[in-house]
N, C-alpha and C. Protein backbone atom coordinates (compact mmCIF):
# COMPACT_ATOMS: atom_id res chain seq x y z
N MET A 1 13.68 -54.34 -5.78
CA MET A 1 12.78 -54.73 -4.69
C MET A 1 12.53 -53.53 -3.79
N LEU A 2 11.24 -53.23 -3.50
CA LEU A 2 10.91 -52.10 -2.65
C LEU A 2 11.02 -52.50 -1.20
N THR A 3 11.59 -51.61 -0.44
CA THR A 3 11.70 -51.86 1.00
C THR A 3 11.07 -50.71 1.75
N ALA A 4 10.48 -51.01 2.87
CA ALA A 4 9.86 -49.98 3.68
C ALA A 4 10.92 -49.09 4.30
N ALA A 5 10.65 -47.79 4.31
CA ALA A 5 11.59 -46.86 4.93
C ALA A 5 11.63 -47.11 6.43
N SER A 6 12.79 -46.98 6.98
CA SER A 6 12.95 -47.25 8.41
C SER A 6 12.35 -46.14 9.24
N PRO A 7 11.86 -46.49 10.45
CA PRO A 7 11.34 -45.45 11.36
C PRO A 7 12.38 -44.39 11.65
N ARG A 8 13.67 -44.80 11.67
CA ARG A 8 14.74 -43.84 11.95
C ARG A 8 14.81 -42.78 10.86
N ARG A 9 14.62 -43.21 9.59
CA ARG A 9 14.67 -42.26 8.48
C ARG A 9 13.52 -41.26 8.58
N PHE A 10 12.31 -41.77 8.86
CA PHE A 10 11.17 -40.86 9.03
C PHE A 10 11.40 -39.88 10.16
N SER A 11 12.00 -40.37 11.22
CA SER A 11 12.28 -39.51 12.37
C SER A 11 13.25 -38.39 11.98
N SER A 12 14.25 -38.74 11.17
CA SER A 12 15.23 -37.74 10.72
C SER A 12 14.57 -36.69 9.83
N LEU A 13 13.67 -37.15 8.95
CA LEU A 13 12.97 -36.21 8.07
C LEU A 13 12.08 -35.26 8.87
N ARG A 14 11.43 -35.81 9.90
CA ARG A 14 10.59 -34.96 10.75
C ARG A 14 11.42 -33.91 11.47
N LEU A 15 12.59 -34.31 11.94
CA LEU A 15 13.47 -33.38 12.63
C LEU A 15 13.96 -32.28 11.69
N MET A 16 14.28 -32.67 10.44
CA MET A 16 14.73 -31.69 9.46
C MET A 16 13.62 -30.70 9.13
N ALA A 17 12.40 -31.22 8.95
CA ALA A 17 11.27 -30.35 8.64
C ALA A 17 10.99 -29.40 9.80
N ARG A 18 11.06 -29.92 11.02
CA ARG A 18 10.83 -29.09 12.20
C ARG A 18 11.90 -28.02 12.32
N GLY A 19 13.14 -28.40 12.03
CA GLY A 19 14.24 -27.44 12.10
C GLY A 19 14.09 -26.34 11.07
N PHE A 20 13.68 -26.72 9.85
CA PHE A 20 13.47 -25.72 8.80
C PHE A 20 12.39 -24.74 9.20
N PHE A 21 11.30 -25.28 9.79
CA PHE A 21 10.19 -24.41 10.20
C PHE A 21 10.62 -23.49 11.34
N MET A 22 11.31 -24.05 12.32
CA MET A 22 11.70 -23.28 13.51
C MET A 22 12.75 -22.22 13.20
N TYR A 23 13.73 -22.59 12.36
CA TYR A 23 14.86 -21.69 12.12
C TYR A 23 14.82 -20.99 10.77
N GLY A 24 13.86 -21.35 9.93
CA GLY A 24 13.74 -20.70 8.63
C GLY A 24 12.46 -19.92 8.47
N VAL A 25 11.33 -20.63 8.57
CA VAL A 25 10.03 -20.00 8.32
C VAL A 25 9.62 -19.06 9.43
N LEU A 26 9.71 -19.52 10.68
CA LEU A 26 9.27 -18.67 11.79
C LEU A 26 10.03 -17.35 11.89
N PRO A 27 11.37 -17.36 11.79
CA PRO A 27 12.08 -16.07 11.83
C PRO A 27 11.69 -15.14 10.68
N LEU A 28 11.44 -15.73 9.50
CA LEU A 28 11.03 -14.91 8.35
C LEU A 28 9.67 -14.28 8.60
N LEU A 29 8.73 -15.08 9.13
CA LEU A 29 7.41 -14.54 9.45
C LEU A 29 7.49 -13.47 10.52
N ALA A 30 8.36 -13.69 11.51
CA ALA A 30 8.54 -12.69 12.57
C ALA A 30 9.12 -11.40 12.01
N LEU A 31 10.06 -11.53 11.07
CA LEU A 31 10.67 -10.36 10.45
C LEU A 31 9.64 -9.57 9.65
N ILE A 32 8.83 -10.28 8.87
CA ILE A 32 7.79 -9.62 8.08
C ILE A 32 6.77 -8.95 8.99
N GLY A 33 6.36 -9.67 10.04
CA GLY A 33 5.40 -9.11 10.98
C GLY A 33 5.94 -7.89 11.69
N GLY A 34 7.22 -7.95 12.07
CA GLY A 34 7.84 -6.81 12.73
C GLY A 34 7.96 -5.61 11.82
N PHE A 35 8.30 -5.86 10.55
CA PHE A 35 8.41 -4.78 9.57
C PHE A 35 7.06 -4.12 9.36
N TYR A 36 6.02 -4.95 9.26
CA TYR A 36 4.66 -4.44 9.06
C TYR A 36 4.23 -3.60 10.27
N ALA A 37 4.50 -4.11 11.48
CA ALA A 37 4.14 -3.38 12.69
C ALA A 37 4.88 -2.05 12.78
N HIS A 38 6.15 -2.07 12.35
CA HIS A 38 6.95 -0.83 12.36
C HIS A 38 6.35 0.20 11.41
N MET A 39 5.92 -0.25 10.24
CA MET A 39 5.33 0.68 9.27
C MET A 39 4.06 1.30 9.82
N ILE A 40 3.25 0.48 10.49
CA ILE A 40 2.01 1.00 11.07
C ILE A 40 2.33 2.02 12.15
N ALA A 41 3.29 1.68 13.00
CA ALA A 41 3.63 2.55 14.14
C ALA A 41 4.23 3.87 13.67
N THR A 42 4.95 3.85 12.56
CA THR A 42 5.62 5.07 12.08
C THR A 42 4.82 5.75 10.96
N THR A 43 3.62 5.30 10.71
CA THR A 43 2.69 5.79 9.68
C THR A 43 3.18 5.56 8.25
N ASN A 44 4.33 4.90 8.10
CA ASN A 44 4.84 4.61 6.75
C ASN A 44 4.76 5.85 5.85
N PHE A 45 5.13 6.98 6.41
CA PHE A 45 5.02 8.26 5.70
C PHE A 45 6.21 8.49 4.78
N HIS A 46 5.92 8.91 3.55
CA HIS A 46 6.99 9.20 2.58
C HIS A 46 6.54 10.33 1.64
N PRO A 47 7.41 11.29 1.38
CA PRO A 47 7.14 12.26 0.31
C PRO A 47 7.27 11.55 -1.04
N VAL A 48 6.37 11.84 -1.95
CA VAL A 48 6.44 11.31 -3.31
C VAL A 48 6.91 12.41 -4.25
N ILE A 49 6.21 13.54 -4.23
CA ILE A 49 6.64 14.76 -4.93
C ILE A 49 6.58 15.87 -3.90
N SER A 50 7.72 16.37 -3.50
CA SER A 50 7.78 17.36 -2.43
C SER A 50 6.88 18.56 -2.73
N GLY A 51 6.04 18.91 -1.75
CA GLY A 51 5.14 20.03 -1.91
C GLY A 51 3.87 19.72 -2.68
N GLU A 52 3.74 18.47 -3.14
CA GLU A 52 2.58 18.11 -3.97
C GLU A 52 1.91 16.82 -3.54
N LEU A 53 2.69 15.77 -3.34
CA LEU A 53 2.11 14.45 -3.07
C LEU A 53 2.88 13.71 -1.99
N TYR A 54 2.11 13.17 -1.02
CA TYR A 54 2.68 12.40 0.09
C TYR A 54 1.85 11.13 0.28
N ARG A 55 2.46 10.12 0.88
CA ARG A 55 1.78 8.85 1.11
C ARG A 55 2.01 8.38 2.54
N SER A 56 1.05 7.62 3.08
CA SER A 56 1.21 7.11 4.44
C SER A 56 0.25 5.96 4.70
N SER A 57 0.41 5.35 5.88
CA SER A 57 -0.58 4.41 6.38
C SER A 57 -1.69 5.21 7.05
N GLN A 58 -2.59 4.52 7.73
CA GLN A 58 -3.70 5.20 8.39
C GLN A 58 -3.18 6.22 9.40
N PRO A 59 -3.44 7.51 9.20
CA PRO A 59 -2.94 8.52 10.14
C PRO A 59 -3.92 8.75 11.29
N SER A 60 -3.38 9.00 12.46
CA SER A 60 -4.22 9.39 13.59
C SER A 60 -4.56 10.87 13.44
N ALA A 61 -5.46 11.35 14.28
CA ALA A 61 -5.81 12.77 14.25
C ALA A 61 -4.58 13.62 14.53
N ALA A 62 -3.76 13.17 15.49
CA ALA A 62 -2.54 13.92 15.83
C ALA A 62 -1.57 13.95 14.66
N THR A 63 -1.47 12.83 13.95
CA THR A 63 -0.58 12.77 12.78
C THR A 63 -1.06 13.70 11.68
N ILE A 64 -2.36 13.72 11.46
CA ILE A 64 -2.93 14.62 10.44
C ILE A 64 -2.58 16.07 10.77
N ALA A 65 -2.74 16.43 12.03
CA ALA A 65 -2.43 17.80 12.45
C ALA A 65 -0.95 18.12 12.24
N ALA A 66 -0.09 17.15 12.59
CA ALA A 66 1.35 17.36 12.44
C ALA A 66 1.75 17.47 10.97
N LEU A 67 1.17 16.64 10.12
CA LEU A 67 1.49 16.68 8.69
C LEU A 67 0.97 17.95 8.04
N GLN A 68 -0.19 18.39 8.49
CA GLN A 68 -0.73 19.64 7.94
C GLN A 68 0.15 20.82 8.33
N LYS A 69 0.64 20.79 9.55
CA LYS A 69 1.50 21.88 10.02
C LYS A 69 2.84 21.88 9.30
N GLN A 70 3.42 20.69 9.09
CA GLN A 70 4.75 20.61 8.49
C GLN A 70 4.73 20.68 6.97
N TYR A 71 3.71 20.07 6.35
CA TYR A 71 3.71 19.96 4.89
C TYR A 71 2.56 20.73 4.22
N GLY A 72 1.69 21.32 5.01
CA GLY A 72 0.60 22.11 4.44
C GLY A 72 -0.45 21.29 3.71
N ILE A 73 -0.68 20.07 4.16
CA ILE A 73 -1.64 19.18 3.49
C ILE A 73 -3.00 19.86 3.32
N LYS A 74 -3.51 19.83 2.08
CA LYS A 74 -4.80 20.45 1.79
C LYS A 74 -5.89 19.43 1.46
N THR A 75 -5.46 18.22 1.07
CA THR A 75 -6.43 17.17 0.74
C THR A 75 -5.93 15.82 1.25
N ILE A 76 -6.85 15.03 1.78
CA ILE A 76 -6.57 13.64 2.15
C ILE A 76 -7.45 12.75 1.29
N ILE A 77 -6.84 11.78 0.62
CA ILE A 77 -7.62 10.76 -0.09
C ILE A 77 -7.48 9.46 0.69
N ASN A 78 -8.60 8.98 1.21
CA ASN A 78 -8.67 7.76 2.00
C ASN A 78 -9.10 6.61 1.11
N LEU A 79 -8.18 5.67 0.87
CA LEU A 79 -8.46 4.55 -0.03
C LEU A 79 -9.19 3.40 0.65
N ARG A 80 -9.51 3.57 1.94
CA ARG A 80 -10.25 2.53 2.67
C ARG A 80 -11.76 2.72 2.50
N GLY A 81 -12.15 3.85 1.93
CA GLY A 81 -13.56 4.13 1.72
C GLY A 81 -14.24 4.67 2.96
N GLU A 82 -15.48 5.10 2.79
CA GLU A 82 -16.24 5.63 3.92
C GLU A 82 -16.51 4.53 4.94
N ASN A 83 -16.23 4.82 6.20
CA ASN A 83 -16.45 3.86 7.29
C ASN A 83 -17.02 4.56 8.51
N ALA A 84 -18.11 5.30 8.29
CA ALA A 84 -18.73 6.05 9.38
C ALA A 84 -19.07 5.11 10.54
N GLY A 85 -18.78 5.56 11.75
CA GLY A 85 -19.03 4.74 12.93
C GLY A 85 -17.80 4.02 13.43
N HIS A 86 -16.75 3.95 12.60
CA HIS A 86 -15.48 3.38 13.03
C HIS A 86 -14.61 4.51 13.59
N GLY A 87 -13.98 4.24 14.71
CA GLY A 87 -13.21 5.28 15.39
C GLY A 87 -12.17 5.96 14.53
N TRP A 88 -11.39 5.16 13.79
CA TRP A 88 -10.32 5.73 12.97
C TRP A 88 -10.88 6.67 11.91
N TYR A 89 -12.02 6.27 11.32
CA TYR A 89 -12.60 7.07 10.24
C TYR A 89 -13.22 8.36 10.79
N ASP A 90 -13.99 8.23 11.84
CA ASP A 90 -14.64 9.42 12.42
C ASP A 90 -13.61 10.43 12.90
N ALA A 91 -12.50 9.93 13.49
CA ALA A 91 -11.44 10.84 13.96
C ALA A 91 -10.76 11.53 12.79
N GLU A 92 -10.54 10.80 11.71
CA GLU A 92 -9.90 11.37 10.52
C GLU A 92 -10.76 12.47 9.90
N VAL A 93 -12.04 12.18 9.73
CA VAL A 93 -12.95 13.15 9.12
C VAL A 93 -13.09 14.39 10.00
N ALA A 94 -13.20 14.17 11.32
CA ALA A 94 -13.36 15.30 12.24
C ALA A 94 -12.12 16.19 12.24
N GLU A 95 -10.94 15.58 12.24
CA GLU A 95 -9.70 16.36 12.25
C GLU A 95 -9.52 17.12 10.94
N ALA A 96 -9.84 16.46 9.84
CA ALA A 96 -9.74 17.13 8.53
C ALA A 96 -10.67 18.34 8.49
N LYS A 97 -11.89 18.17 8.98
CA LYS A 97 -12.85 19.28 9.00
C LYS A 97 -12.35 20.41 9.89
N GLU A 98 -11.82 20.05 11.06
CA GLU A 98 -11.31 21.04 12.01
C GLU A 98 -10.19 21.88 11.40
N LEU A 99 -9.35 21.23 10.59
CA LEU A 99 -8.18 21.91 10.01
C LEU A 99 -8.46 22.49 8.63
N GLY A 100 -9.67 22.30 8.12
CA GLY A 100 -10.00 22.82 6.80
C GLY A 100 -9.38 22.03 5.67
N ILE A 101 -9.13 20.74 5.92
CA ILE A 101 -8.54 19.86 4.90
C ILE A 101 -9.65 19.17 4.11
N ASN A 102 -9.56 19.21 2.80
CA ASN A 102 -10.51 18.52 1.93
C ASN A 102 -10.35 17.02 2.13
N HIS A 103 -11.45 16.30 2.35
CA HIS A 103 -11.38 14.85 2.62
C HIS A 103 -12.17 14.09 1.57
N ILE A 104 -11.51 13.12 0.92
CA ILE A 104 -12.12 12.35 -0.16
C ILE A 104 -12.01 10.86 0.16
N ASP A 105 -13.12 10.14 0.04
CA ASP A 105 -13.12 8.68 0.21
C ASP A 105 -13.15 8.01 -1.15
N PHE A 106 -12.28 7.03 -1.33
CA PHE A 106 -12.30 6.22 -2.55
C PHE A 106 -12.03 4.79 -2.13
N ARG A 107 -13.05 3.95 -2.17
CA ARG A 107 -12.90 2.58 -1.68
C ARG A 107 -12.26 1.68 -2.74
N MET A 108 -11.20 1.00 -2.33
CA MET A 108 -10.60 -0.02 -3.17
C MET A 108 -10.01 -1.11 -2.28
N SER A 109 -9.80 -2.27 -2.86
CA SER A 109 -9.26 -3.41 -2.12
C SER A 109 -7.95 -3.84 -2.75
N SER A 110 -7.00 -4.20 -1.90
CA SER A 110 -5.71 -4.67 -2.42
C SER A 110 -5.82 -6.07 -3.01
N ARG A 111 -6.94 -6.73 -2.77
CA ARG A 111 -7.13 -8.10 -3.25
C ARG A 111 -7.88 -8.18 -4.58
N HIS A 112 -8.28 -7.02 -5.09
CA HIS A 112 -9.03 -7.00 -6.35
C HIS A 112 -8.46 -5.93 -7.29
N GLU A 113 -8.36 -6.27 -8.56
CA GLU A 113 -7.85 -5.32 -9.54
C GLU A 113 -8.83 -4.16 -9.73
N LEU A 114 -8.28 -3.01 -10.06
CA LEU A 114 -9.11 -1.87 -10.45
C LEU A 114 -9.40 -1.99 -11.94
N THR A 115 -10.61 -1.65 -12.33
CA THR A 115 -10.91 -1.56 -13.76
C THR A 115 -10.33 -0.25 -14.29
N GLN A 116 -10.26 -0.13 -15.60
CA GLN A 116 -9.77 1.12 -16.18
C GLN A 116 -10.69 2.28 -15.80
N GLU A 117 -11.98 2.03 -15.74
CA GLU A 117 -12.94 3.07 -15.36
C GLU A 117 -12.69 3.53 -13.92
N GLN A 118 -12.47 2.58 -13.02
CA GLN A 118 -12.19 2.94 -11.63
C GLN A 118 -10.88 3.71 -11.52
N ALA A 119 -9.88 3.25 -12.26
CA ALA A 119 -8.58 3.93 -12.25
C ALA A 119 -8.72 5.36 -12.77
N ALA A 120 -9.51 5.53 -13.82
CA ALA A 120 -9.72 6.87 -14.39
C ALA A 120 -10.41 7.79 -13.38
N THR A 121 -11.35 7.24 -12.63
CA THR A 121 -12.03 8.03 -11.59
C THR A 121 -11.04 8.47 -10.52
N LEU A 122 -10.19 7.53 -10.08
CA LEU A 122 -9.20 7.85 -9.06
C LEU A 122 -8.20 8.89 -9.56
N VAL A 123 -7.74 8.72 -10.78
CA VAL A 123 -6.79 9.68 -11.36
C VAL A 123 -7.41 11.07 -11.42
N GLN A 124 -8.67 11.15 -11.82
CA GLN A 124 -9.32 12.46 -11.91
C GLN A 124 -9.48 13.09 -10.53
N LEU A 125 -9.80 12.28 -9.52
CA LEU A 125 -9.89 12.78 -8.15
C LEU A 125 -8.55 13.35 -7.70
N MET A 126 -7.48 12.63 -8.00
CA MET A 126 -6.14 13.08 -7.59
C MET A 126 -5.73 14.32 -8.37
N ARG A 127 -6.08 14.37 -9.64
CA ARG A 127 -5.72 15.52 -10.47
C ARG A 127 -6.42 16.79 -9.98
N ASP A 128 -7.70 16.66 -9.63
CA ASP A 128 -8.50 17.82 -9.24
C ASP A 128 -8.31 18.25 -7.79
N ALA A 129 -7.79 17.38 -6.96
CA ALA A 129 -7.68 17.67 -5.53
C ALA A 129 -6.71 18.81 -5.26
N PRO A 130 -7.08 19.74 -4.37
CA PRO A 130 -6.14 20.80 -3.97
C PRO A 130 -4.88 20.17 -3.38
N LYS A 131 -3.73 20.71 -3.72
CA LYS A 131 -2.45 20.19 -3.26
C LYS A 131 -1.86 21.10 -2.17
N PRO A 132 -1.01 20.53 -1.33
CA PRO A 132 -0.46 19.19 -1.27
C PRO A 132 -1.50 18.13 -0.88
N LEU A 133 -1.28 16.93 -1.39
CA LEU A 133 -2.21 15.82 -1.25
C LEU A 133 -1.57 14.69 -0.45
N LEU A 134 -2.32 14.13 0.51
CA LEU A 134 -1.89 12.94 1.26
C LEU A 134 -2.80 11.79 0.88
N ILE A 135 -2.20 10.69 0.41
CA ILE A 135 -2.95 9.49 0.06
C ILE A 135 -2.62 8.41 1.09
N HIS A 136 -3.64 7.72 1.58
CA HIS A 136 -3.36 6.65 2.54
C HIS A 136 -4.37 5.51 2.41
N CYS A 137 -3.96 4.33 2.89
CA CYS A 137 -4.87 3.21 3.09
C CYS A 137 -4.67 2.76 4.54
N GLN A 138 -4.63 1.47 4.81
CA GLN A 138 -4.41 1.04 6.19
C GLN A 138 -2.92 0.97 6.52
N ALA A 139 -2.18 0.24 5.69
CA ALA A 139 -0.74 0.08 5.94
C ALA A 139 0.11 1.03 5.11
N GLY A 140 -0.48 1.65 4.10
CA GLY A 140 0.28 2.55 3.24
C GLY A 140 1.21 1.82 2.30
N ALA A 141 0.90 0.56 2.01
CA ALA A 141 1.81 -0.27 1.23
C ALA A 141 1.25 -0.65 -0.14
N ASP A 142 0.05 -1.22 -0.17
CA ASP A 142 -0.47 -1.83 -1.39
C ASP A 142 -1.39 -0.90 -2.19
N ARG A 143 -2.54 -0.56 -1.61
CA ARG A 143 -3.46 0.35 -2.30
C ARG A 143 -2.81 1.72 -2.53
N THR A 144 -2.12 2.20 -1.50
CA THR A 144 -1.44 3.49 -1.62
C THR A 144 -0.34 3.42 -2.66
N GLY A 145 0.33 2.28 -2.74
CA GLY A 145 1.38 2.10 -3.75
C GLY A 145 0.84 2.21 -5.16
N LEU A 146 -0.29 1.55 -5.42
CA LEU A 146 -0.90 1.63 -6.75
C LEU A 146 -1.38 3.05 -7.04
N ALA A 147 -2.03 3.67 -6.07
CA ALA A 147 -2.56 5.03 -6.29
C ALA A 147 -1.44 6.02 -6.61
N THR A 148 -0.35 5.96 -5.87
CA THR A 148 0.75 6.89 -6.13
C THR A 148 1.46 6.56 -7.45
N ALA A 149 1.50 5.28 -7.80
CA ALA A 149 2.07 4.90 -9.10
C ALA A 149 1.22 5.47 -10.23
N LEU A 150 -0.10 5.39 -10.07
CA LEU A 150 -1.00 5.96 -11.08
C LEU A 150 -0.84 7.47 -11.17
N TYR A 151 -0.68 8.12 -10.03
CA TYR A 151 -0.47 9.57 -10.02
C TYR A 151 0.78 9.93 -10.81
N LEU A 152 1.87 9.23 -10.52
CA LEU A 152 3.14 9.54 -11.19
C LEU A 152 3.05 9.29 -12.69
N ALA A 153 2.39 8.19 -13.08
CA ALA A 153 2.31 7.85 -14.50
C ALA A 153 1.32 8.73 -15.26
N ALA A 154 0.14 8.95 -14.68
CA ALA A 154 -0.93 9.65 -15.40
C ALA A 154 -0.89 11.16 -15.26
N ILE A 155 -0.42 11.65 -14.12
CA ILE A 155 -0.46 13.09 -13.85
C ILE A 155 0.92 13.72 -13.96
N ASP A 156 1.90 13.11 -13.31
CA ASP A 156 3.26 13.65 -13.34
C ASP A 156 4.01 13.25 -14.61
N LYS A 157 3.46 12.26 -15.33
CA LYS A 157 4.04 11.79 -16.60
C LYS A 157 5.49 11.32 -16.43
N THR A 158 5.73 10.60 -15.36
CA THR A 158 7.06 10.08 -15.10
C THR A 158 7.28 8.77 -15.86
N THR A 159 8.42 8.15 -15.68
CA THR A 159 8.71 6.90 -16.38
C THR A 159 8.04 5.71 -15.70
N GLU A 160 7.93 4.63 -16.44
CA GLU A 160 7.34 3.40 -15.91
C GLU A 160 8.13 2.92 -14.69
N LYS A 161 9.45 2.96 -14.77
CA LYS A 161 10.28 2.47 -13.67
C LYS A 161 10.06 3.27 -12.40
N VAL A 162 9.99 4.58 -12.53
CA VAL A 162 9.78 5.44 -11.36
C VAL A 162 8.40 5.20 -10.77
N ALA A 163 7.39 5.11 -11.62
CA ALA A 163 6.02 4.88 -11.14
C ALA A 163 5.91 3.54 -10.42
N GLU A 164 6.44 2.49 -11.04
CA GLU A 164 6.36 1.17 -10.43
C GLU A 164 7.17 1.07 -9.15
N GLY A 165 8.12 1.97 -8.98
CA GLY A 165 8.91 1.99 -7.75
C GLY A 165 8.07 2.28 -6.52
N GLN A 166 6.87 2.85 -6.71
CA GLN A 166 5.97 3.11 -5.59
C GLN A 166 5.37 1.82 -5.04
N MET A 167 5.41 0.75 -5.83
CA MET A 167 4.92 -0.56 -5.38
C MET A 167 6.13 -1.43 -5.06
N SER A 168 6.77 -1.11 -3.95
CA SER A 168 8.05 -1.71 -3.60
C SER A 168 8.05 -2.19 -2.16
N ILE A 169 8.96 -3.12 -1.86
CA ILE A 169 9.13 -3.61 -0.50
C ILE A 169 9.57 -2.49 0.43
N ILE A 170 10.15 -1.44 -0.12
CA ILE A 170 10.54 -0.28 0.69
C ILE A 170 9.34 0.27 1.45
N TYR A 171 8.18 0.20 0.82
CA TYR A 171 6.95 0.69 1.43
C TYR A 171 6.11 -0.43 2.04
N GLY A 172 6.63 -1.66 1.95
CA GLY A 172 5.92 -2.80 2.53
C GLY A 172 5.12 -3.61 1.53
N HIS A 173 5.23 -3.30 0.24
CA HIS A 173 4.49 -4.04 -0.78
C HIS A 173 5.35 -5.16 -1.35
N VAL A 174 4.79 -6.36 -1.41
CA VAL A 174 5.50 -7.51 -1.95
C VAL A 174 4.98 -7.79 -3.36
N SER A 175 5.83 -7.54 -4.35
CA SER A 175 5.43 -7.70 -5.76
C SER A 175 5.69 -9.12 -6.25
N LEU A 176 5.00 -10.08 -5.65
CA LEU A 176 5.13 -11.48 -6.04
C LEU A 176 3.74 -12.07 -6.23
N PRO A 177 3.58 -12.99 -7.19
CA PRO A 177 2.26 -13.59 -7.44
C PRO A 177 1.66 -14.28 -6.22
N ILE A 178 2.50 -14.71 -5.27
CA ILE A 178 1.97 -15.38 -4.08
C ILE A 178 1.37 -14.39 -3.08
N SER A 179 1.61 -13.10 -3.29
CA SER A 179 1.10 -12.08 -2.38
C SER A 179 -0.39 -11.84 -2.61
N ALA A 180 -1.13 -11.67 -1.52
CA ALA A 180 -2.57 -11.38 -1.62
C ALA A 180 -2.81 -10.03 -2.28
N ALA A 181 -1.79 -9.17 -2.25
CA ALA A 181 -1.93 -7.82 -2.84
C ALA A 181 -1.39 -7.74 -4.27
N TYR A 182 -1.07 -8.89 -4.87
CA TYR A 182 -0.53 -8.88 -6.24
C TYR A 182 -1.50 -8.27 -7.26
N PRO A 183 -2.82 -8.26 -7.01
CA PRO A 183 -3.72 -7.58 -7.95
C PRO A 183 -3.37 -6.11 -8.18
N MET A 184 -2.65 -5.49 -7.24
CA MET A 184 -2.21 -4.10 -7.45
C MET A 184 -1.19 -4.05 -8.59
N ASP A 185 -0.27 -5.00 -8.60
CA ASP A 185 0.74 -5.08 -9.67
C ASP A 185 0.07 -5.40 -11.01
N GLU A 186 -0.87 -6.35 -10.96
CA GLU A 186 -1.57 -6.75 -12.19
C GLU A 186 -2.38 -5.58 -12.76
N THR A 187 -2.97 -4.80 -11.87
CA THR A 187 -3.72 -3.63 -12.33
C THR A 187 -2.83 -2.67 -13.10
N PHE A 188 -1.68 -2.36 -12.52
CA PHE A 188 -0.78 -1.40 -13.17
C PHE A 188 -0.29 -1.93 -14.51
N GLU A 189 0.06 -3.22 -14.55
CA GLU A 189 0.54 -3.81 -15.80
C GLU A 189 -0.52 -3.71 -16.90
N LYS A 190 -1.76 -4.01 -16.55
CA LYS A 190 -2.83 -3.98 -17.55
C LYS A 190 -3.19 -2.56 -17.99
N LEU A 191 -2.92 -1.59 -17.11
CA LEU A 191 -3.24 -0.20 -17.44
C LEU A 191 -2.12 0.53 -18.17
N GLU A 192 -0.97 -0.11 -18.33
CA GLU A 192 0.17 0.56 -18.95
C GLU A 192 -0.14 1.14 -20.33
N PRO A 193 -0.82 0.42 -21.23
CA PRO A 193 -1.15 1.03 -22.53
C PRO A 193 -2.02 2.28 -22.37
N TRP A 194 -3.00 2.21 -21.48
CA TRP A 194 -3.88 3.36 -21.22
C TRP A 194 -3.09 4.54 -20.65
N LEU A 195 -2.06 4.22 -19.86
CA LEU A 195 -1.23 5.26 -19.26
C LEU A 195 -0.17 5.79 -20.23
N GLY A 196 -0.09 5.17 -21.40
CA GLY A 196 0.91 5.60 -22.38
C GLY A 196 2.29 5.03 -22.11
N LEU A 197 2.33 3.93 -21.35
CA LEU A 197 3.60 3.27 -21.05
C LEU A 197 3.72 2.01 -21.87
N SER A 198 4.94 1.54 -22.05
CA SER A 198 5.15 0.29 -22.77
C SER A 198 4.61 -0.85 -21.92
N ASN A 199 3.91 -1.78 -22.54
CA ASN A 199 3.31 -2.90 -21.82
C ASN A 199 4.34 -4.01 -21.66
N SER A 200 5.13 -3.92 -20.57
CA SER A 200 6.23 -4.89 -20.37
C SER A 200 5.79 -6.04 -19.50
């Protein structure tokens, strides 16, 4: 015989759900948000190959000058694409020109996979660019992760494990299917045969 659940039981379930949200979900979201904000504030800068390849989030003009002075940056590849009229873009282009740094725009989205043709174009840009090279997107996590992974696999001829390590939570990239940036992982997996890596 079916019996209606008591109001007290529903009340308990609501309290449990509220508690889970307040003490489980919210702190996790705050942690992720804080980590992301920290990466932006610190430019998420990392050497990939010392003297050759570096990665970061969107650099300010002052950061570009500092990195050029310390690491001798000769080329910047901006994965956000041309955005003339936006303050961040105009400042980046102006500073690069002032310092004699080669500036390259390559538009890509973390929400869409790269085709093999697009990947080949990016690899050729990275191969031909005067070094040391700085690659960046907005957060320096997703698009930059894929680009540096492609560089390591296609140009530096490193191992699959080392290349895929560039798409890691260490840099702010979440390699899970629920992530909006998962197309970056899917791109690399699909390109593995083209890159000469085992398709795992």
